[in-house]
C-alpha cells in the first residue's frame, strides 16, 4: 500500500504507488530532494490517473527523500514517503585498443573516460609468464605508451579503473609486439 521504488540505476528510479485518486478526483504533488540537501527540493505535479513515474537526472550514490502528496477534492489521504538510494556510477572500461605496435612498444587507449575515476592502472606482462609490470595513469587520460618490451612477444594488457568510491573494474586485451630487426 506504500510508495516504493524499482528499476533503480545511478541516475534514475521508477516510483510506484497505489491507485488513490482518479483523473477526476485530484492530482498528486511529488516532492523529492537529496536527503543531505533538502533545500534542493524539486516538485512535480502528476495526474491522478498515474500510479508510477520515472525520476531521472539524479546524482549517483545519493539517497533521496521522496514524498507523494495526494491532492484530492474528495478524501484526505496522508502523504506517502520513501527513501531511495541511487546506485554508484561504475562503468568499467568498455574498450581497450592497442595501436602503433612496434618491436619494443605499443600504444594503449581505452574508453569511456569518467569523472568518477581517480586513476587507471595498466598491468602488462608477456604471455605465457607471470612477470607483470604496473603503470599508473591519471584518471583524466585515456591512453598511454608502454615501452621497453621484448620483440615478437604477446602481452596481456589489463586496464583497471580505480573509482573515487574505492571500487575497481578491469578489462583486458592482448597485444603483440613486432619482430625486431635482425641483430637486435
N, C-alpha and C. Protein backbone atom coordinates (compact mmCIF):
# COMPACT_ATOMS: atom_id res chain seq x y z
N UNK A 1 0.84 -1.21 0.00
CA UNK A 1 0.00 0.00 0.00
C UNK A 1 0.86 1.25 0.00
N UNK A 2 2.17 1.05 -0.13
CA UNK A 2 3.07 2.18 0.06
C UNK A 2 3.74 2.61 -1.23
N UNK A 3 4.22 3.83 -1.20
CA UNK A 3 5.08 4.35 -2.25
C UNK A 3 6.40 3.58 -2.21
N UNK A 4 6.85 3.06 -3.34
CA UNK A 4 8.15 2.39 -3.35
C UNK A 4 8.81 2.55 -4.72
N UNK A 5 10.10 2.24 -4.74
CA UNK A 5 10.89 2.45 -5.96
C UNK A 5 11.35 1.13 -6.55
N UNK A 6 11.41 1.07 -7.89
CA UNK A 6 12.00 -0.08 -8.57
C UNK A 6 12.90 0.47 -9.67
N UNK A 7 13.55 -0.44 -10.40
CA UNK A 7 14.40 -0.07 -11.55
C UNK A 7 15.40 1.03 -11.16
N UNK A 8 16.06 0.85 -10.04
CA UNK A 8 16.99 1.88 -9.56
C UNK A 8 18.30 1.79 -10.34
N UNK A 9 18.76 2.92 -10.87
CA UNK A 9 20.06 2.99 -11.55
C UNK A 9 20.89 4.07 -10.86
N UNK A 10 22.01 4.45 -11.48
CA UNK A 10 22.84 5.50 -10.87
C UNK A 10 22.22 6.88 -11.06
N UNK A 11 21.25 7.01 -12.01
CA UNK A 11 20.72 8.35 -12.29
C UNK A 11 19.20 8.42 -12.34
N UNK A 12 18.52 7.30 -12.04
CA UNK A 12 17.07 7.33 -12.12
C UNK A 12 16.45 6.23 -11.27
N UNK A 13 15.18 6.35 -11.00
CA UNK A 13 14.41 5.23 -10.45
C UNK A 13 12.94 5.44 -10.80
N UNK A 14 12.20 4.33 -10.73
CA UNK A 14 10.77 4.38 -11.00
C UNK A 14 10.03 4.31 -9.67
N UNK A 15 9.09 5.23 -9.48
CA UNK A 15 8.25 5.22 -8.29
C UNK A 15 6.92 4.56 -8.62
N UNK A 16 6.46 3.73 -7.71
CA UNK A 16 5.15 3.08 -7.86
C UNK A 16 4.34 3.39 -6.62
N UNK A 17 3.04 3.61 -6.81
CA UNK A 17 2.20 3.85 -5.64
C UNK A 17 0.80 3.30 -5.91
N UNK A 18 0.03 3.05 -4.84
CA UNK A 18 -1.32 2.51 -5.02
C UNK A 18 -2.23 3.55 -5.68
N UNK A 19 -3.26 3.07 -6.33
CA UNK A 19 -4.21 3.96 -7.00
C UNK A 19 -5.11 4.59 -5.94
N UNK A 20 -4.81 5.83 -5.59
CA UNK A 20 -5.58 6.52 -4.56
C UNK A 20 -6.59 7.48 -5.20
N UNK A 21 -6.19 8.04 -6.31
CA UNK A 21 -7.02 9.05 -6.97
C UNK A 21 -7.40 8.57 -8.36
N UNK A 22 -8.26 9.34 -9.01
CA UNK A 22 -8.50 9.12 -10.43
C UNK A 22 -8.33 10.47 -11.11
N UNK A 23 -8.44 10.46 -12.41
CA UNK A 23 -8.29 11.70 -13.18
C UNK A 23 -9.27 12.77 -12.64
N UNK A 24 -10.44 12.33 -12.21
CA UNK A 24 -11.49 13.28 -11.81
C UNK A 24 -11.32 13.76 -10.37
N UNK A 25 -10.75 12.92 -9.49
CA UNK A 25 -10.80 13.25 -8.06
C UNK A 25 -9.58 14.01 -7.56
N UNK A 26 -8.61 14.30 -8.43
CA UNK A 26 -7.49 15.10 -7.94
C UNK A 26 -6.19 14.82 -8.68
N UNK A 27 -5.08 15.24 -8.07
CA UNK A 27 -3.75 15.04 -8.65
C UNK A 27 -2.78 14.79 -7.51
N UNK A 28 -1.55 14.43 -7.87
CA UNK A 28 -0.51 14.20 -6.87
C UNK A 28 0.53 15.31 -6.97
N UNK A 29 1.03 15.72 -5.82
CA UNK A 29 2.23 16.55 -5.79
C UNK A 29 3.37 15.64 -5.35
N UNK A 30 4.41 15.60 -6.15
CA UNK A 30 5.56 14.77 -5.84
C UNK A 30 6.72 15.68 -5.50
N UNK A 31 7.30 15.47 -4.32
CA UNK A 31 8.47 16.26 -3.91
C UNK A 31 9.63 15.30 -3.70
N UNK A 32 10.80 15.69 -4.19
CA UNK A 32 11.96 14.85 -3.92
C UNK A 32 13.20 15.72 -3.80
N UNK A 33 14.12 15.28 -2.96
CA UNK A 33 15.35 16.03 -2.72
C UNK A 33 16.40 15.08 -2.16
N UNK A 34 17.69 15.40 -2.39
CA UNK A 34 18.74 14.61 -1.74
C UNK A 34 18.59 14.75 -0.22
N UNK A 35 18.67 13.64 0.50
CA UNK A 35 18.49 13.67 1.95
C UNK A 35 19.51 14.60 2.62
N UNK A 36 20.68 14.71 2.00
CA UNK A 36 21.74 15.54 2.59
C UNK A 36 21.55 17.02 2.28
N UNK A 37 20.63 17.35 1.38
CA UNK A 37 20.48 18.74 0.95
C UNK A 37 19.02 18.98 0.58
N UNK A 38 18.15 18.99 1.60
CA UNK A 38 16.71 19.09 1.35
C UNK A 38 16.32 20.42 0.72
N UNK A 39 17.21 21.41 0.79
CA UNK A 39 16.92 22.70 0.17
C UNK A 39 16.83 22.57 -1.36
N UNK A 40 17.43 21.51 -1.90
CA UNK A 40 17.40 21.33 -3.36
C UNK A 40 16.18 20.53 -3.78
N UNK A 41 15.07 20.79 -3.13
CA UNK A 41 13.85 20.04 -3.39
C UNK A 41 13.29 20.38 -4.76
N UNK A 42 12.80 19.35 -5.45
CA UNK A 42 12.10 19.56 -6.71
C UNK A 42 10.66 19.11 -6.52
N UNK A 43 9.75 19.78 -7.18
CA UNK A 43 8.32 19.47 -7.05
C UNK A 43 7.71 19.22 -8.43
N UNK A 44 6.92 18.17 -8.51
CA UNK A 44 6.24 17.84 -9.77
C UNK A 44 4.76 17.67 -9.48
N UNK A 45 3.93 17.98 -10.46
CA UNK A 45 2.51 17.63 -10.34
C UNK A 45 2.22 16.49 -11.30
N UNK A 46 1.52 15.49 -10.78
CA UNK A 46 1.26 14.28 -11.55
C UNK A 46 -0.24 14.06 -11.60
N UNK A 47 -0.74 13.71 -12.77
CA UNK A 47 -2.17 13.46 -12.93
C UNK A 47 -2.66 12.37 -11.98
N UNK A 48 -3.89 12.49 -11.51
CA UNK A 48 -4.48 11.49 -10.62
C UNK A 48 -4.62 10.13 -11.26
N UNK A 49 -4.50 10.07 -12.57
CA UNK A 49 -4.62 8.77 -13.25
C UNK A 49 -3.35 7.94 -13.14
N UNK A 50 -2.23 8.56 -12.77
CA UNK A 50 -0.94 7.85 -12.74
C UNK A 50 -0.77 7.03 -11.46
N UNK A 51 -0.06 5.91 -11.59
CA UNK A 51 0.38 5.16 -10.39
C UNK A 51 1.87 4.87 -10.46
N UNK A 52 2.56 5.49 -11.41
CA UNK A 52 4.02 5.33 -11.45
C UNK A 52 4.63 6.49 -12.22
N UNK A 53 5.91 6.70 -11.99
CA UNK A 53 6.62 7.80 -12.62
C UNK A 53 8.11 7.51 -12.53
N UNK A 54 8.85 7.82 -13.59
CA UNK A 54 10.31 7.67 -13.55
C UNK A 54 10.92 9.03 -13.24
N UNK A 55 11.74 9.07 -12.21
CA UNK A 55 12.52 10.28 -11.90
C UNK A 55 13.92 10.07 -12.47
N UNK A 56 14.37 11.02 -13.28
CA UNK A 56 15.70 10.90 -13.90
C UNK A 56 16.58 12.07 -13.53
N UNK A 57 17.76 12.11 -14.14
CA UNK A 57 18.69 13.22 -13.94
C UNK A 57 19.10 13.34 -12.47
N UNK A 58 19.31 12.18 -11.82
CA UNK A 58 19.66 12.17 -10.40
C UNK A 58 21.16 11.97 -10.24
N UNK A 59 21.65 12.27 -9.05
CA UNK A 59 23.08 12.08 -8.77
C UNK A 59 23.33 10.64 -8.34
N UNK A 60 24.47 10.07 -8.75
CA UNK A 60 24.77 8.69 -8.33
C UNK A 60 25.08 8.62 -6.84
N UNK A 61 24.89 7.45 -6.27
CA UNK A 61 25.22 7.17 -4.86
C UNK A 61 24.65 8.23 -3.92
N UNK A 62 23.39 8.57 -4.15
CA UNK A 62 22.75 9.61 -3.36
C UNK A 62 21.42 9.08 -2.84
N UNK A 63 21.12 9.39 -1.56
CA UNK A 63 19.84 8.99 -1.00
C UNK A 63 18.85 10.14 -1.19
N UNK A 64 17.70 9.84 -1.76
CA UNK A 64 16.66 10.84 -1.98
C UNK A 64 15.49 10.59 -1.04
N UNK A 65 14.99 11.69 -0.48
CA UNK A 65 13.73 11.66 0.26
C UNK A 65 12.63 11.97 -0.74
N UNK A 66 11.64 11.11 -0.80
CA UNK A 66 10.55 11.30 -1.76
C UNK A 66 9.23 11.36 -1.01
N UNK A 67 8.40 12.34 -1.33
CA UNK A 67 7.06 12.44 -0.73
C UNK A 67 6.03 12.56 -1.84
N UNK A 68 5.00 11.74 -1.75
CA UNK A 68 3.89 11.80 -2.69
C UNK A 68 2.67 12.30 -1.92
N UNK A 69 2.15 13.45 -2.32
CA UNK A 69 1.05 14.07 -1.59
C UNK A 69 -0.20 14.02 -2.47
N UNK A 70 -1.17 13.16 -2.12
CA UNK A 70 -2.40 13.11 -2.92
C UNK A 70 -3.23 14.36 -2.65
N UNK A 71 -3.52 15.13 -3.69
CA UNK A 71 -4.32 16.36 -3.56
C UNK A 71 -5.73 16.02 -4.05
N UNK A 72 -6.54 15.50 -3.12
CA UNK A 72 -7.86 15.01 -3.51
C UNK A 72 -8.92 16.03 -3.15
N UNK A 73 -9.94 16.14 -4.01
CA UNK A 73 -11.05 17.03 -3.66
C UNK A 73 -12.22 16.24 -3.04
N UNK A 74 -11.93 14.93 -2.75
CA UNK A 74 -12.97 14.09 -2.16
C UNK A 74 -12.59 13.62 -0.76
N UNK A 75 -11.42 13.00 -0.65
CA UNK A 75 -10.97 12.45 0.64
C UNK A 75 -9.64 13.08 1.01
N UNK A 76 -9.30 12.95 2.30
CA UNK A 76 -7.93 13.30 2.71
C UNK A 76 -7.10 12.03 2.69
N UNK A 77 -5.97 12.08 1.98
CA UNK A 77 -5.03 10.97 2.02
C UNK A 77 -3.73 11.49 2.61
N UNK A 78 -3.15 10.78 3.58
CA UNK A 78 -1.88 11.24 4.13
C UNK A 78 -0.77 11.13 3.07
N UNK A 79 0.22 12.00 3.16
CA UNK A 79 1.35 11.89 2.22
C UNK A 79 2.05 10.54 2.40
N UNK A 80 2.54 10.01 1.31
CA UNK A 80 3.34 8.78 1.35
C UNK A 80 4.79 9.19 1.14
N UNK A 81 5.67 8.60 1.94
CA UNK A 81 7.08 8.96 1.81
C UNK A 81 7.93 7.70 1.67
N UNK A 82 9.07 7.87 1.04
CA UNK A 82 10.03 6.78 0.94
C UNK A 82 11.41 7.38 0.77
N UNK A 83 12.44 6.56 1.01
CA UNK A 83 13.83 6.95 0.77
C UNK A 83 14.40 6.01 -0.27
N UNK A 84 15.08 6.57 -1.25
CA UNK A 84 15.65 5.77 -2.32
C UNK A 84 17.11 6.18 -2.50
N UNK A 85 17.99 5.19 -2.59
CA UNK A 85 19.41 5.49 -2.81
C UNK A 85 19.80 5.03 -4.20
N UNK A 86 20.33 5.95 -5.00
CA UNK A 86 20.75 5.60 -6.35
C UNK A 86 22.04 4.78 -6.29
N UNK A 87 22.30 4.05 -7.36
CA UNK A 87 23.48 3.19 -7.42
C UNK A 87 24.73 4.01 -7.74
N UNK A 88 25.87 3.43 -7.46
CA UNK A 88 27.13 4.06 -7.82
C UNK A 88 27.29 4.02 -9.34
N UNK A 89 27.91 5.05 -9.87
CA UNK A 89 28.16 5.10 -11.31
C UNK A 89 29.49 4.42 -11.58
N UNK A 90 29.45 3.13 -11.80
CA UNK A 90 30.69 2.40 -12.01
C UNK A 90 30.60 1.72 -13.36
N UNK A 91 31.21 2.30 -14.36
CA UNK A 91 31.22 1.67 -15.67
C UNK A 91 32.65 1.27 -15.93
N UNK A 92 32.86 0.00 -16.17
CA UNK A 92 34.22 -0.44 -16.41
C UNK A 92 34.66 0.10 -17.76
N UNK A 93 35.98 0.09 -18.00
CA UNK A 93 36.41 0.43 -19.36
C UNK A 93 35.70 -0.53 -20.32
N UNK A 94 35.07 -0.02 -21.34
CA UNK A 94 34.34 -0.90 -22.25
C UNK A 94 35.14 -1.22 -23.51
N UNK A 95 36.22 -0.51 -23.69
CA UNK A 95 37.07 -0.76 -24.86
C UNK A 95 38.50 -0.57 -24.45
N UNK A 96 39.36 -1.50 -24.85
CA UNK A 96 40.80 -1.30 -24.73
C UNK A 96 41.36 -1.52 -26.13
N UNK A 97 42.01 -0.49 -26.67
CA UNK A 97 42.53 -0.57 -28.04
C UNK A 97 44.05 -0.53 -28.02
N UNK A 98 44.64 -1.44 -28.79
CA UNK A 98 46.09 -1.47 -28.92
C UNK A 98 46.42 -0.95 -30.32
N UNK A 99 47.37 -0.02 -30.41
CA UNK A 99 47.72 0.51 -31.73
C UNK A 99 49.21 0.84 -31.76
N UNK A 100 49.67 1.23 -32.93
CA UNK A 100 51.07 1.67 -33.12
C UNK A 100 52.04 0.69 -32.48
N UNK A 101 51.82 -0.57 -32.79
CA UNK A 101 52.65 -1.61 -32.20
C UNK A 101 54.00 -1.67 -32.91
N UNK A 102 55.08 -1.63 -32.13
CA UNK A 102 56.42 -1.76 -32.68
C UNK A 102 57.14 -2.92 -32.00
N UNK A 103 58.42 -3.12 -32.27
CA UNK A 103 59.14 -4.23 -31.63
C UNK A 103 59.28 -4.03 -30.11
N UNK A 104 59.36 -2.77 -29.67
CA UNK A 104 59.66 -2.53 -28.27
C UNK A 104 58.55 -1.77 -27.53
N UNK A 105 57.48 -1.40 -28.23
CA UNK A 105 56.45 -0.61 -27.57
C UNK A 105 55.12 -0.76 -28.28
N UNK A 106 54.04 -0.40 -27.60
CA UNK A 106 52.75 -0.23 -28.25
C UNK A 106 51.95 0.81 -27.49
N UNK A 107 50.92 1.30 -28.15
CA UNK A 107 50.10 2.37 -27.62
C UNK A 107 48.80 1.72 -27.13
N UNK A 108 48.37 2.08 -25.92
CA UNK A 108 47.13 1.54 -25.36
C UNK A 108 46.18 2.71 -25.11
N UNK A 109 44.94 2.57 -25.57
CA UNK A 109 43.94 3.59 -25.24
C UNK A 109 42.66 2.89 -24.80
N UNK A 110 41.81 3.60 -24.06
CA UNK A 110 40.60 2.98 -23.53
C UNK A 110 39.49 4.01 -23.45
N UNK A 111 38.28 3.51 -23.32
CA UNK A 111 37.10 4.36 -23.21
C UNK A 111 36.07 3.61 -22.37
N UNK A 112 35.10 4.30 -21.79
CA UNK A 112 34.98 5.76 -21.72
C UNK A 112 35.84 6.33 -20.59
N UNK A 113 36.00 7.66 -20.61
CA UNK A 113 36.68 8.34 -19.51
C UNK A 113 35.58 8.96 -18.63
N UNK A 114 35.62 8.66 -17.35
CA UNK A 114 34.55 9.10 -16.44
C UNK A 114 35.09 9.99 -15.33
N UNK A 115 34.26 10.94 -14.91
CA UNK A 115 34.65 11.82 -13.80
C UNK A 115 34.87 11.04 -12.51
N UNK A 116 34.18 9.90 -12.39
CA UNK A 116 34.26 9.16 -11.12
C UNK A 116 35.53 8.32 -11.01
N UNK A 117 36.39 8.36 -12.04
CA UNK A 117 37.63 7.59 -12.00
C UNK A 117 38.78 8.48 -11.51
N UNK A 118 39.50 8.00 -10.48
CA UNK A 118 40.64 8.75 -9.95
C UNK A 118 41.88 8.45 -10.78
N UNK A 119 42.09 7.17 -11.08
CA UNK A 119 43.26 6.80 -11.87
C UNK A 119 43.00 5.48 -12.57
N UNK A 120 43.84 5.20 -13.55
CA UNK A 120 43.81 3.92 -14.23
C UNK A 120 45.11 3.21 -13.92
N UNK A 121 45.02 1.89 -13.73
CA UNK A 121 46.23 1.09 -13.57
C UNK A 121 46.35 0.19 -14.77
N UNK A 122 47.52 0.20 -15.38
CA UNK A 122 47.79 -0.68 -16.50
C UNK A 122 48.71 -1.78 -16.03
N UNK A 123 48.24 -3.01 -16.13
CA UNK A 123 49.10 -4.14 -15.82
C UNK A 123 49.45 -4.81 -17.14
N UNK A 124 50.71 -5.11 -17.35
CA UNK A 124 51.07 -5.78 -18.59
C UNK A 124 52.20 -6.75 -18.33
N UNK A 125 52.17 -7.86 -19.06
CA UNK A 125 53.20 -8.87 -18.93
C UNK A 125 53.13 -9.82 -20.09
N UNK A 126 54.27 -10.48 -20.41
CA UNK A 126 54.30 -11.39 -21.55
C UNK A 126 53.49 -12.65 -21.27
N UNK A 127 52.92 -13.21 -22.35
CA UNK A 127 52.21 -14.49 -22.26
C UNK A 127 53.06 -15.55 -22.94
N UNK A 128 53.20 -16.76 -22.44
CA UNK A 128 52.85 -17.08 -21.06
C UNK A 128 53.89 -16.50 -20.13
N UNK A 129 53.59 -16.40 -18.88
CA UNK A 129 54.56 -15.84 -17.93
C UNK A 129 53.83 -15.17 -16.81
N UNK A 130 54.55 -14.83 -15.75
CA UNK A 130 53.89 -14.20 -14.63
C UNK A 130 54.63 -12.96 -14.16
N UNK A 131 55.50 -12.41 -15.04
CA UNK A 131 56.14 -11.15 -14.66
C UNK A 131 55.26 -10.02 -15.14
N UNK A 132 54.67 -9.31 -14.19
CA UNK A 132 53.72 -8.26 -14.55
C UNK A 132 54.26 -6.92 -14.10
N UNK A 133 54.17 -5.92 -14.96
CA UNK A 133 54.56 -4.56 -14.59
C UNK A 133 53.31 -3.70 -14.48
N UNK A 134 53.39 -2.66 -13.66
CA UNK A 134 52.24 -1.79 -13.42
C UNK A 134 52.58 -0.37 -13.84
N UNK A 135 51.62 0.26 -14.51
CA UNK A 135 51.78 1.65 -14.93
C UNK A 135 50.57 2.40 -14.39
N UNK A 136 50.79 3.52 -13.67
CA UNK A 136 49.67 4.33 -13.16
C UNK A 136 49.40 5.46 -14.14
N UNK A 137 48.14 5.67 -14.48
CA UNK A 137 47.79 6.76 -15.39
C UNK A 137 46.71 7.61 -14.72
N UNK A 138 46.90 8.92 -14.80
CA UNK A 138 45.92 9.85 -14.22
C UNK A 138 44.54 9.62 -14.81
N UNK A 139 43.50 9.76 -13.98
CA UNK A 139 42.13 9.49 -14.40
C UNK A 139 41.64 10.37 -15.54
N UNK A 140 42.32 11.50 -15.81
CA UNK A 140 41.88 12.38 -16.90
C UNK A 140 42.37 11.89 -18.25
N UNK A 141 43.32 10.95 -18.25
CA UNK A 141 43.89 10.49 -19.51
C UNK A 141 43.25 9.19 -19.94
N UNK A 142 43.25 8.94 -21.26
CA UNK A 142 42.67 7.69 -21.71
C UNK A 142 43.61 6.94 -22.65
N UNK A 143 44.91 7.26 -22.58
CA UNK A 143 45.85 6.48 -23.38
C UNK A 143 47.26 6.62 -22.80
N UNK A 144 48.10 5.68 -23.16
CA UNK A 144 49.49 5.74 -22.73
C UNK A 144 50.31 4.87 -23.66
N UNK A 145 51.64 5.04 -23.61
CA UNK A 145 52.53 4.19 -24.40
C UNK A 145 53.28 3.27 -23.45
N UNK A 146 53.27 1.99 -23.77
CA UNK A 146 54.02 1.00 -22.98
C UNK A 146 55.31 0.72 -23.73
N UNK A 147 56.45 0.87 -23.02
CA UNK A 147 57.75 0.78 -23.69
C UNK A 147 58.63 -0.29 -23.06
N UNK A 148 59.84 -0.43 -23.61
CA UNK A 148 60.86 -1.37 -23.10
C UNK A 148 60.34 -2.80 -23.13
N UNK A 149 59.73 -3.17 -24.23
CA UNK A 149 59.16 -4.51 -24.36
C UNK A 149 60.07 -5.41 -25.18
N UNK A 150 59.79 -6.70 -25.15
CA UNK A 150 60.54 -7.66 -25.96
C UNK A 150 59.88 -7.78 -27.33
N UNK A 151 60.69 -7.88 -28.40
CA UNK A 151 60.10 -8.02 -29.74
C UNK A 151 59.38 -9.36 -29.90
N UNK A 152 58.44 -9.40 -30.85
CA UNK A 152 57.77 -10.62 -31.25
C UNK A 152 57.19 -11.39 -30.05
N UNK A 153 56.55 -10.65 -29.16
CA UNK A 153 56.03 -11.25 -27.94
C UNK A 153 54.57 -10.84 -27.78
N UNK A 154 53.76 -11.75 -27.27
CA UNK A 154 52.37 -11.42 -26.98
C UNK A 154 52.26 -10.97 -25.52
N UNK A 155 51.63 -9.83 -25.31
CA UNK A 155 51.45 -9.31 -23.95
C UNK A 155 49.97 -9.31 -23.60
N UNK A 156 49.69 -9.56 -22.34
CA UNK A 156 48.34 -9.37 -21.84
C UNK A 156 48.32 -8.01 -21.13
N UNK A 157 47.41 -7.15 -21.57
CA UNK A 157 47.31 -5.80 -21.01
C UNK A 157 45.97 -5.69 -20.30
N UNK A 158 45.99 -5.30 -19.03
CA UNK A 158 44.75 -5.13 -18.27
C UNK A 158 44.65 -3.69 -17.80
N UNK A 159 43.55 -3.03 -18.17
CA UNK A 159 43.31 -1.66 -17.72
C UNK A 159 42.30 -1.73 -16.58
N UNK A 160 42.68 -1.18 -15.42
CA UNK A 160 41.79 -1.17 -14.26
C UNK A 160 41.44 0.27 -13.93
N UNK A 161 40.14 0.55 -13.87
CA UNK A 161 39.68 1.88 -13.47
C UNK A 161 39.51 1.88 -11.96
N UNK A 162 40.14 2.84 -11.29
CA UNK A 162 40.00 2.96 -9.84
C UNK A 162 39.07 4.14 -9.56
N UNK A 163 37.91 3.84 -8.97
CA UNK A 163 36.88 4.86 -8.77
C UNK A 163 37.08 5.57 -7.44
N UNK A 164 36.50 6.77 -7.33
CA UNK A 164 36.56 7.54 -6.09
C UNK A 164 36.04 6.74 -4.90
N UNK A 165 35.07 5.87 -5.19
CA UNK A 165 34.46 5.07 -4.12
C UNK A 165 35.41 3.97 -3.63
N UNK A 166 36.54 3.78 -4.36
CA UNK A 166 37.47 2.73 -3.98
C UNK A 166 37.27 1.45 -4.77
N UNK A 167 36.17 1.35 -5.48
CA UNK A 167 35.92 0.15 -6.28
C UNK A 167 36.83 0.15 -7.50
N UNK A 168 37.02 -1.03 -8.06
CA UNK A 168 37.85 -1.16 -9.25
C UNK A 168 37.14 -2.03 -10.27
N UNK A 169 37.31 -1.70 -11.54
CA UNK A 169 36.78 -2.54 -12.62
C UNK A 169 37.87 -2.66 -13.67
N UNK A 170 37.97 -3.85 -14.27
CA UNK A 170 39.07 -4.12 -15.20
C UNK A 170 38.60 -4.64 -16.54
N UNK A 171 39.44 -4.45 -17.53
CA UNK A 171 39.21 -5.05 -18.85
C UNK A 171 40.58 -5.35 -19.44
N UNK A 172 40.67 -6.50 -20.10
CA UNK A 172 41.96 -6.92 -20.65
C UNK A 172 41.95 -7.00 -22.16
N UNK A 173 43.13 -6.91 -22.75
CA UNK A 173 43.30 -7.08 -24.19
C UNK A 173 44.67 -7.70 -24.42
N UNK A 174 44.83 -8.34 -25.58
CA UNK A 174 46.14 -8.89 -25.91
C UNK A 174 46.82 -7.97 -26.91
N UNK A 175 48.13 -7.86 -26.80
CA UNK A 175 48.91 -7.03 -27.72
C UNK A 175 50.14 -7.82 -28.14
N UNK A 176 50.52 -7.69 -29.39
CA UNK A 176 51.72 -8.38 -29.89
C UNK A 176 52.72 -7.33 -30.36
N UNK A 177 53.95 -7.48 -29.93
CA UNK A 177 54.99 -6.59 -30.46
C UNK A 177 55.46 -7.15 -31.80
N UNK A 178 56.03 -6.24 -32.62
CA UNK A 178 56.53 -6.66 -33.94
C UNK A 178 57.84 -7.41 -33.80
N UNK A 179 58.19 -8.11 -34.86
CA UNK A 179 59.51 -8.74 -34.85
C UNK A 179 60.57 -7.67 -34.94
N UNK A 180 61.64 -7.86 -34.19
CA UNK A 180 62.71 -6.85 -34.19
C UNK A 180 63.59 -7.04 -35.40
N UNK A 181 64.44 -6.04 -35.62
CA UNK A 181 65.41 -6.17 -36.71
C UNK A 181 66.40 -7.26 -36.34
N UNK A 182 66.94 -7.92 -37.37
CA UNK A 182 67.96 -8.93 -37.08
C UNK A 182 69.17 -8.22 -36.48
N UNK A 183 69.80 -8.88 -35.51
CA UNK A 183 70.99 -8.30 -34.90
C UNK A 183 70.64 -7.47 -33.69
N UNK A 184 69.34 -7.47 -33.28
CA UNK A 184 69.00 -6.72 -32.08
C UNK A 184 69.36 -7.54 -30.86
